[in-house]
C-alpha atoms as a PDB file:
ATOM      1  CA  MET A   1      16.343  -1.183 -24.566  1.00  0.00           C
ATOM      2  CA  LYS A   2      15.382  -3.403 -21.355  1.00  0.00           C
ATOM      3  CA  ASN A   3      14.323  -0.893 -19.083  1.00  0.00           C
ATOM      4  CA  SER A   4      12.252   1.374 -21.961  1.00  0.00           C
ATOM      5  CA  ILE A   5      10.128  -2.086 -22.266  1.00  0.00           C
ATOM      6  CA  LEU A   6       9.452  -2.293 -18.396  1.00  0.00           C
ATOM      7  CA  LEU A   7       8.324   0.690 -18.062  1.00  0.00           C
ATOM      8  CA  LEU A   8       5.905   0.625 -20.970  1.00  0.00           C
ATOM      9  CA  PHE A   9       4.850  -2.386 -19.756  1.00  0.00           C
ATOM     10  CA  PRO A  10       2.271  -0.487 -17.221  1.00  0.00           C
ATOM     11  CA  LEU A  11       0.805   1.665 -19.770  1.00  0.00           C
ATOM     12  CA  ALA A  12       0.473  -1.203 -22.070  1.00  0.00           C
ATOM     13  CA  VAL A  13      -1.561  -2.925 -19.278  1.00  0.00           C
ATOM     14  CA  PHE A  14      -3.919  -0.166 -18.070  1.00  0.00           C
ATOM     15  CA  ALA A  15      -4.201   0.986 -22.317  1.00  0.00           C
ATOM     16  CA  GLN A  16      -6.419  -2.539 -22.416  1.00  0.00           C
ATOM     17  CA  LYS A  17      -9.778  -2.187 -23.026  1.00  0.00           C
ATOM     18  CA  GLY A  18     -11.512  -2.883 -19.374  1.00  0.00           C
ATOM     19  CA  GLU A  19     -12.861  -1.453 -15.893  1.00  0.00           C
ATOM     20  CA  THR A  20     -10.731   0.386 -14.457  1.00  0.00           C
ATOM     21  CA  GLN A  21     -11.634   2.445 -11.156  1.00  0.00           C
ATOM     22  CA  LEU A  22     -10.104   4.494  -8.662  1.00  0.00           C
ATOM     23  CA  LYS A  23      -9.792   4.586  -5.139  1.00  0.00           C
ATOM     24  CA  ILE A  24      -9.049   6.178  -1.712  1.00  0.00           C
ATOM     25  CA  ASN A  25      -9.540   4.782   1.822  1.00  0.00           C
ATOM     26  CA  THR A  26     -11.923   5.741   3.894  1.00  0.00           C
ATOM     27  CA  ILE A  27     -10.244   4.956   7.184  1.00  0.00           C
ATOM     28  CA  THR A  28      -6.764   6.334   6.746  1.00  0.00           C
ATOM     29  CA  LEU A  29      -8.178   9.856   5.490  1.00  0.00           C
ATOM     30  CA  PRO A  30      -9.688  11.424   8.833  1.00  0.00           C
ATOM     31  CA  LEU A  31      -6.310  10.640  10.538  1.00  0.00           C
ATOM     32  CA  GLY A  32      -4.320  12.566   7.713  1.00  0.00           C
ATOM     33  CA  MET A  33      -3.111   9.294   5.775  1.00  0.00           C
ATOM     34  CA  VAL A  34      -3.413   9.439   2.097  1.00  0.00           C
ATOM     35  CA  ASN A  35      -3.990   6.058   0.555  1.00  0.00           C
ATOM     36  CA  LEU A  36      -4.910   5.836  -2.960  1.00  0.00           C
ATOM     37  CA  GLY A  37      -5.014   3.387  -5.737  1.00  0.00           C
ATOM     38  CA  ILE A  38      -6.112   2.821  -9.348  1.00  0.00           C
ATOM     39  CA  GLU A  39      -7.140  -1.285 -10.165  1.00  0.00           C
ATOM     40  CA  HIS A  40      -7.857  -2.384 -13.577  1.00  0.00           C
ATOM     41  CA  ALA A  41      -9.641  -5.740 -15.152  1.00  0.00           C
ATOM     42  CA  ILE A  42      -7.386  -7.827 -17.441  1.00  0.00           C
ATOM     43  CA  SER A  43      -9.976 -10.919 -17.531  1.00  0.00           C
ATOM     44  CA  ASN A  44     -13.309 -11.475 -16.403  1.00  0.00           C
ATOM     45  CA  LYS A  45     -11.920 -12.005 -13.000  1.00  0.00           C
ATOM     46  CA  ILE A  46      -8.414 -11.275 -12.725  1.00  0.00           C
ATOM     47  CA  THR A  47      -7.401  -7.374 -11.855  1.00  0.00           C
ATOM     48  CA  LEU A  48      -4.300  -5.593 -11.083  1.00  0.00           C
ATOM     49  CA  GLN A  49      -3.707  -2.695  -8.650  1.00  0.00           C
ATOM     50  CA  ALA A  50      -1.708  -0.444  -8.101  1.00  0.00           C
ATOM     51  CA  ASP A  51      -1.596   1.618  -4.568  1.00  0.00           C
ATOM     52  CA  GLY A  52       0.611   3.456  -2.738  1.00  0.00           C
ATOM     53  CA  PHE A  53      -0.054   5.141   1.098  1.00  0.00           C
ATOM     54  CA  ILE A  54       1.371   7.894   2.470  1.00  0.00           C
ATOM     55  CA  SER A  55       1.373   8.597   6.573  1.00  0.00           C
ATOM     56  CA  PRO A  56       3.076  12.357   6.631  1.00  0.00           C
ATOM     57  CA  TRP A  57       3.376  12.402  10.543  1.00  0.00           C
ATOM     58  CA  LYS A  58       6.484  13.676  11.761  1.00  0.00           C
ATOM     59  CA  SER A  59       4.509  13.100  15.246  1.00  0.00           C
ATOM     60  CA  PHE A  60       1.269  11.355  15.810  1.00  0.00           C
ATOM     61  CA  ALA A  61       0.515  10.828  19.580  1.00  0.00           C
ATOM     62  CA  GLY A  62       4.210  11.715  20.720  1.00  0.00           C
ATOM     63  CA  ASN A  63       5.356   8.882  18.305  1.00  0.00           C
ATOM     64  CA  HIS A  64       6.970   9.143  14.938  1.00  0.00           C
ATOM     65  CA  LEU A  65       4.668   7.802  12.136  1.00  0.00           C
ATOM     66  CA  GLN A  66       5.930   8.491   9.050  1.00  0.00           C
ATOM     67  CA  MET A  67       5.862   6.120   6.292  1.00  0.00           C
ATOM     68  CA  TYR A  68       5.830   5.986   2.284  1.00  0.00           C
ATOM     69  CA  MET A  69       4.344   2.879   0.786  1.00  0.00           C
ATOM     70  CA  ALA A  70       4.038   1.680  -2.879  1.00  0.00           C
ATOM     71  CA  PHE A  71       2.178  -1.627  -3.678  1.00  0.00           C
ATOM     72  CA  GLY A  72       1.376  -3.757  -6.959  1.00  0.00           C
ATOM     73  CA  GLU A  73      -0.876  -6.749  -6.445  1.00  0.00           C
ATOM     74  CA  GLY A  74      -2.863  -9.399  -8.530  1.00  0.00           C
ATOM     75  CA  ARG A  75      -6.098 -10.217  -7.560  1.00  0.00           C
ATOM     76  CA  TYR A  76      -8.543 -12.517  -8.424  1.00  0.00           C
ATOM     77  CA  TYR A  77     -12.320 -12.385  -7.809  1.00  0.00           C
ATOM     78  CA  PHE A  78     -14.587 -15.427  -7.432  1.00  0.00           C
ATOM     79  CA  ASP A  79     -17.505 -14.124  -8.935  1.00  0.00           C
ATOM     80  CA  LYS A  80     -16.276 -11.595 -11.718  1.00  0.00           C
ATOM     81  CA  SER A  81     -13.630  -8.454 -11.422  1.00  0.00           C
ATOM     82  CA  PHE A  82     -14.903  -5.617  -8.905  1.00  0.00           C
ATOM     83  CA  SER A  83     -17.521  -8.302  -7.754  1.00  0.00           C
ATOM     84  CA  LYS A  84     -17.573  -9.920  -4.007  1.00  0.00           C
ATOM     85  CA  PHE A  85     -14.619 -11.689  -2.594  1.00  0.00           C
ATOM     86  CA  TYR A  86     -11.397 -11.889  -3.906  1.00  0.00           C
ATOM     87  CA  ILE A  87      -7.437 -12.756  -2.648  1.00  0.00           C
ATOM     88  CA  GLY A  88      -4.495 -11.851  -4.246  1.00  0.00           C
ATOM     89  CA  PRO A  89      -0.318 -11.629  -3.682  1.00  0.00           C
ATOM     90  CA  ASN A  90       0.918  -8.566  -3.656  1.00  0.00           C
ATOM     91  CA  ILE A  91       4.619  -6.942  -3.223  1.00  0.00           C
ATOM     92  CA  GLY A  92       5.608  -3.810  -2.336  1.00  0.00           C
ATOM     93  CA  ILE A  93       8.350  -0.868  -0.612  1.00  0.00           C
ATOM     94  CA  GLY A  94       8.141   1.332   1.894  1.00  0.00           C
ATOM     95  CA  PHE A  95      10.136   4.199   3.559  1.00  0.00           C
ATOM     96  CA  PHE A  96       9.579   4.882   6.762  1.00  0.00           C
ATOM     97  CA  ASP A  97      10.683   7.092   9.646  1.00  0.00           C
ATOM     98  CA  ILE A  98       8.012   5.825  12.613  1.00  0.00           C
ATOM     99  CA  GLN A  99       8.464   4.026  16.323  1.00  0.00           C
ATOM    100  CA  LYS A 100       7.697   0.475  15.956  1.00  0.00           C
ATOM    101  CA  TRP A 101       5.249  -1.034  18.487  1.00  0.00           C
ATOM    102  CA  ASN A 102       7.545  -1.782  21.017  1.00  0.00           C
ATOM    103  CA  TYR A 103       9.109   1.855  21.337  1.00  0.00           C
ATOM    104  CA  TRP A 104       6.289   3.785  21.445  1.00  0.00           C
ATOM    105  CA  ASN A 105       6.673   5.805  24.959  1.00  0.00           C
ATOM    106  CA  THR A 106      10.494   5.403  24.854  1.00  0.00           C
ATOM    107  CA  ASN A 107      13.021   8.214  23.454  1.00  0.00           C
ATOM    108  CA  ASN A 108      13.686   5.378  20.653  1.00  0.00           C
ATOM    109  CA  TYR A 109      12.960   5.398  16.969  1.00  0.00           C
ATOM    110  CA  GLN A 110      13.521   4.409  13.767  1.00  0.00           C
ATOM    111  CA  ARG A 111      14.089   5.257  10.161  1.00  0.00           C
ATOM    112  CA  GLY A 112      14.722   2.759   6.964  1.00  0.00           C
ATOM    113  CA  LEU A 113      13.249   1.167   4.265  1.00  0.00           C
ATOM    114  CA  THR A 114      11.227  -2.153   4.324  1.00  0.00           C
ATOM    115  CA  ILE A 115      10.289  -4.668   1.262  1.00  0.00           C
ATOM    116  CA  LEU A 116       6.713  -6.486   1.680  1.00  0.00           C
ATOM    117  CA  THR A 117       5.470  -9.214   0.242  1.00  0.00           C
ATOM    118  CA  GLY A 118       1.977 -11.346   0.963  1.00  0.00           C
ATOM    119  CA  ALA A 119      -1.222 -11.428  -0.014  1.00  0.00           C
ATOM    120  CA  THR A 120      -4.895  -9.254   0.661  1.00  0.00           C
ATOM    121  CA  ILE A 121      -8.202 -11.030   0.870  1.00  0.00           C
ATOM    122  CA  GLY A 122     -11.298  -8.275   0.603  1.00  0.00           C
ATOM    123  CA  TYR A 123     -14.516  -8.130  -0.825  1.00  0.00           C
ATOM    124  CA  GLN A 124     -16.481  -5.520  -2.786  1.00  0.00           C
ATOM    125  CA  ALA A 125     -19.820  -4.460  -2.887  1.00  0.00           C
ATOM    126  CA  LYS A 126     -21.622  -2.451  -5.762  1.00  0.00           C
ATOM    127  CA  LEU A 127     -22.983   0.653  -4.695  1.00  0.00           C
ATOM    128  CA  ASN A 128     -24.191   2.304  -7.428  1.00  0.00           C
ATOM    129  CA  ASP A 129     -23.137   1.856 -11.542  1.00  0.00           C
ATOM    130  CA  ARG A 130     -20.127   3.924 -10.677  1.00  0.00           C
ATOM    131  CA  LEU A 131     -19.300   3.390  -7.019  1.00  0.00           C
ATOM    132  CA  ASN A 132     -17.813   0.402  -5.206  1.00  0.00           C
ATOM    133  CA  LEU A 133     -16.753  -0.092  -1.528  1.00  0.00           C
ATOM    134  CA  ASP A 134     -13.749  -2.519  -1.665  1.00  0.00           C
ATOM    135  CA  ILE A 135     -13.234  -3.580   2.226  1.00  0.00           C
ATOM    136  CA  PHE A 136      -9.557  -5.589   2.491  1.00  0.00           C
ATOM    137  CA  VAL A 137      -7.031  -6.458   4.412  1.00  0.00           C
ATOM    138  CA  GLY A 138      -3.591  -7.674   3.527  1.00  0.00           C
ATOM    139  CA  GLY A 139      -0.226  -8.710   5.181  1.00  0.00           C
ATOM    140  CA  GLY A 140       2.647 -11.043   5.102  1.00  0.00           C
ATOM    141  CA  HIS A 141       6.140 -10.783   5.914  1.00  0.00           C
ATOM    142  CA  SER A 142       8.379  -7.390   5.702  1.00  0.00           C
ATOM    143  CA  GLN A 143      11.780  -7.627   5.429  1.00  0.00           C
ATOM    144  CA  GLY A 144      13.741  -3.849   6.944  1.00  0.00           C
ATOM    145  CA  ASN A 145      16.552  -2.226   7.213  1.00  0.00           C
ATOM    146  CA  TYR A 146      17.009   0.625   9.463  1.00  0.00           C
ATOM    147  CA  LYS A 147      18.712   2.763  11.646  1.00  0.00           C
ATOM    148  CA  GLY A 148      17.671   3.430  15.486  1.00  0.00           C
ATOM    149  CA  TYR A 149      18.170   6.920  17.064  1.00  0.00           C
ATOM    150  CA  TYR A 150      17.398   8.896  19.820  1.00  0.00           C
ATOM    151  CA  LYS A 151      13.892  11.333  19.708  1.00  0.00           C
ATOM    152  CA  ASP A 152      15.851  14.515  21.345  1.00  0.00           C
ATOM    153  CA  ASP A 153      19.126  13.604  19.968  1.00  0.00           C
ATOM    154  CA  SER A 154      21.502  15.328  23.158  1.00  0.00           C
ATOM    155  CA  GLY A 155      24.582  14.542  20.681  1.00  0.00           C
ATOM    156  CA  ILE A 156      24.143  10.596  21.431  1.00  0.00           C
ATOM    157  CA  GLY A 157      23.024  10.032  17.388  1.00  0.00           C
ATOM    158  CA  ARG A 158      22.049   5.887  17.242  1.00  0.00           C
ATOM    159  CA  TYR A 159      20.794   3.911  19.826  1.00  0.00           C
ATOM    160  CA  ASP A 160      21.919   0.798  18.313  1.00  0.00           C
ATOM    161  CA  SER A 161      25.709  -0.904  18.447  1.00  0.00           C
ATOM    162  CA  ALA A 162      24.602  -1.774  14.301  1.00  0.00           C
ATOM    163  CA  HIS A 163      27.659   0.272  12.135  1.00  0.00           C
ATOM    164  CA  ALA A 164      25.460   0.220   9.582  1.00  0.00           C
ATOM    165  CA  PHE A 165      21.984  -1.066   9.159  1.00  0.00           C
ATOM    166  CA  ASN A 166      19.612  -3.029  11.598  1.00  0.00           C
ATOM    167  CA  LYS A 167      18.145  -6.065  10.046  1.00  0.00           C
ATOM    168  CA  SER A 168      14.265  -6.896  10.675  1.00  0.00           C
ATOM    169  CA  GLY A 169      12.605  -9.774   9.297  1.00  0.00           C
ATOM    170  CA  GLU A 170       8.519  -9.708  10.601  1.00  0.00           C
ATOM    171  CA  TRP A 171       5.279 -11.516   9.499  1.00  0.00           C
ATOM    172  CA  LEU A 172       2.836  -8.393  10.149  1.00  0.00           C
ATOM    173  CA  LEU A 173      -0.406  -6.818   8.609  1.00  0.00           C
ATOM    174  CA  TYR A 174       0.396  -4.524   6.518  1.00  0.00           C
ATOM    175  CA  LYS A 175      -2.792  -2.904   4.569  1.00  0.00           C
ATOM    176  CA  GLY A 176      -6.249  -2.650   5.363  1.00  0.00           C
ATOM    177  CA  GLY A 177      -9.348  -0.286   4.918  1.00  0.00           C
ATOM    178  CA  ILE A 178     -12.806   0.058   3.178  1.00  0.00           C
ATOM    179  CA  MET A 179     -11.715   2.139  -0.197  1.00  0.00           C
ATOM    180  CA  LEU A 180     -14.342   4.096  -1.790  1.00  0.00           C
ATOM    181  CA  THR A 181     -14.147   3.160  -5.237  1.00  0.00           C
ATOM    182  CA  TYR A 182     -15.048   4.930  -8.671  1.00  0.00           C
ATOM    183  CA  LYS A 183     -15.762   3.643 -12.188  1.00  0.00           C
ATOM    184  CA  LEU A 184     -14.010   5.378 -14.985  1.00  0.00           C
ATOM    185  CA  LYS A 185     -16.120   5.802 -17.650  1.00  0.00           C
ATOM    186  CA  ARG A 186     -14.812   5.035 -21.244  1.00  0.00           C
ATOM    187  CA  LYS A 187     -15.435   6.707 -24.125  1.00  0.00           C
ATOM    188  CA  ASN A 188     -17.608   4.711 -26.781  1.00  0.00           C
ATOM    189  CA  PRO A 189     -15.414   5.200 -30.254  1.00  0.00           C
ATOM    190  CA  SER A 190     -18.261   4.697 -32.287  1.00  0.00           C
ATOM    191  CA  LYS A 191     -20.030   7.562 -31.059  1.00  0.00           C
END
């Protein structure tokens, strides 16, 4: 019963009468990385957003860069929902097969998962009645569990000495870009 309520909660939030926007990140898309989102107003100044990020690259400029992340975020707009400056907390989960920045141009890469907690700050500018630009950056704490491997895997396997997973906690920027947003049109029940 408790699990059913948890599954229905997101549906109940998005079923409320309020503006909803679909989003796509215009910065990551030309790189073959997809960042999609949906944001819904729950009051005049507060919205909830769910978004996902996919970097499918097994190799990008010779480095592993495969990531799958999902975030939930609350936003407080200082003017009104979907208008001007906002700030809000976020939480996410990520699965990765990457070379961390300090391992670029080496034979080592990391594969694991991470929990991300932090905040986003941004600005949403109106283009017309249906389109906005959402300029944002977000970061915070990343707590990762991963295993380290050799790229050429010449029978050696892992480069690290951990028996199970390495643990890594870091403060970093983990999301950002310029989202093109599209306001969904609500059906008018009186027509």
